[in-house]
Every structure is written in structure tokens, then in C-alpha cells.
Amino acid sequence: GYKDLFNIAKRFALIDVLFEKDKPFVILDDPFCDFDEEKIANGISLIKKFSEEYQILYFVCHKSRA
């Protein structure tokens, strides 16, 4: 769970380095499928924070992760 959260944060850090001026949109395809409820809530909070700076397309397959 924490490893997956770290990997998401790492990818956004990489986007920051690669795209200094124009921020690209980001597609996330159910990145929290292996999380428990607490980590899902933390992950969604992280995505909300990132959405202040990025346009995010967030696909999910279960309504618990909406």
C-alpha cells in the first residue's frame, strides 16, 4: 500500500521535472485497487491535492474508490 502511494508521488515528481512550463494531463487507471480503506482515503486525498495543479483523469472500477 505505502509502496504504491510512494510510486504515485514519485511519478508526479517525475512529471514536475520533465514538464516545467506546461503541465500535461495525467491518466490514472484505478491506482488504488490493492489498497485497504484507510489507504484508499489517503490516496484519494493525495489525488485531490495533485488535482489543484494537474488535470487528472481518474478511472475506477469500484464505487468505493470514487
Protein backbone atom coordinates (compact mmCIF):
# COMPACT_ATOMS: atom_id res chain seq x y z
CA GLY A 1 0.00 0.00 0.00
CA TYR A 2 2.61 2.55 1.03
CA LYS A 3 4.85 1.44 -1.81
CA ASP A 4 2.03 2.15 -4.28
CA LEU A 5 1.38 5.58 -2.75
CA PHE A 6 5.09 6.35 -2.97
CA ASN A 7 5.14 5.26 -6.63
CA ILE A 8 2.26 7.61 -7.46
CA ALA A 9 4.01 10.50 -5.72
CA LYS A 10 7.26 9.57 -7.50
CA ARG A 11 5.51 9.70 -10.88
CA PHE A 12 4.12 13.15 -10.17
CA ALA A 13 7.59 14.29 -9.12
CA LEU A 14 8.93 12.98 -12.43
CA ILE A 15 6.23 14.94 -14.29
CA ASP A 16 7.34 18.08 -12.43
CA VAL A 17 10.92 17.54 -13.58
CA LEU A 18 10.08 16.72 -17.18
CA PHE A 19 7.41 19.38 -17.75
CA GLU A 20 8.46 22.66 -16.16
CA LYS A 21 6.16 25.07 -18.04
CA ASP A 22 3.14 23.26 -19.42
CA LYS A 23 1.74 20.57 -17.17
CA PRO A 24 0.32 17.55 -19.03
CA PHE A 25 -2.90 15.84 -18.12
CA VAL A 26 -2.46 12.65 -16.10
CA ILE A 27 -4.41 9.42 -16.58
CA LEU A 28 -4.80 7.17 -13.54
CA ASP A 29 -6.42 3.79 -14.15
CA ASP A 30 -7.59 2.55 -10.74
CA PRO A 31 -4.24 3.10 -8.98
CA PHE A 32 -5.69 2.08 -5.59
CA CYS A 33 -7.04 -1.38 -6.48
CA ASP A 34 -4.82 -3.12 -3.90
CA PHE A 35 -5.40 -0.67 -1.03
CA ASP A 36 -7.37 -1.10 2.17
CA GLU A 37 -9.99 1.53 3.08
CA GLU A 38 -7.58 3.75 5.03
CA LYS A 39 -5.04 3.83 2.23
CA ILE A 40 -7.79 4.46 -0.35
CA ALA A 41 -8.84 7.54 1.63
CA ASN A 42 -5.20 8.71 1.81
CA GLY A 43 -4.72 8.07 -1.90
CA ILE A 44 -7.85 9.98 -2.87
CA SER A 45 -6.71 12.86 -0.66
CA LEU A 46 -3.35 12.82 -2.46
CA ILE A 47 -5.07 12.87 -5.87
CA LYS A 48 -7.26 15.80 -4.78
CA LYS A 49 -4.15 17.72 -3.78
CA PHE A 50 -2.45 16.92 -7.11
CA SER A 51 -5.60 17.97 -8.98
CA GLU A 52 -5.01 21.56 -7.85
CA GLU A 53 -2.05 21.66 -10.24
CA TYR A 54 -2.82 18.95 -12.82
CA GLN A 55 -5.78 17.88 -14.89
CA ILE A 56 -6.36 14.29 -13.82
CA LEU A 57 -8.45 11.61 -15.50
CA TYR A 58 -9.18 9.09 -12.77
CA PHE A 59 -10.74 5.78 -13.81
CA VAL A 60 -12.08 3.35 -11.23
CA CYS A 61 -13.85 0.00 -11.35
CA HIS A 62 -15.45 0.08 -7.90
CA LYS A 63 -17.54 2.79 -6.29
CA SER A 64 -15.56 2.57 -3.01
CA ARG A 65 -12.70 4.35 -4.78
CA ALA A 66 -14.79 7.13 -6.33
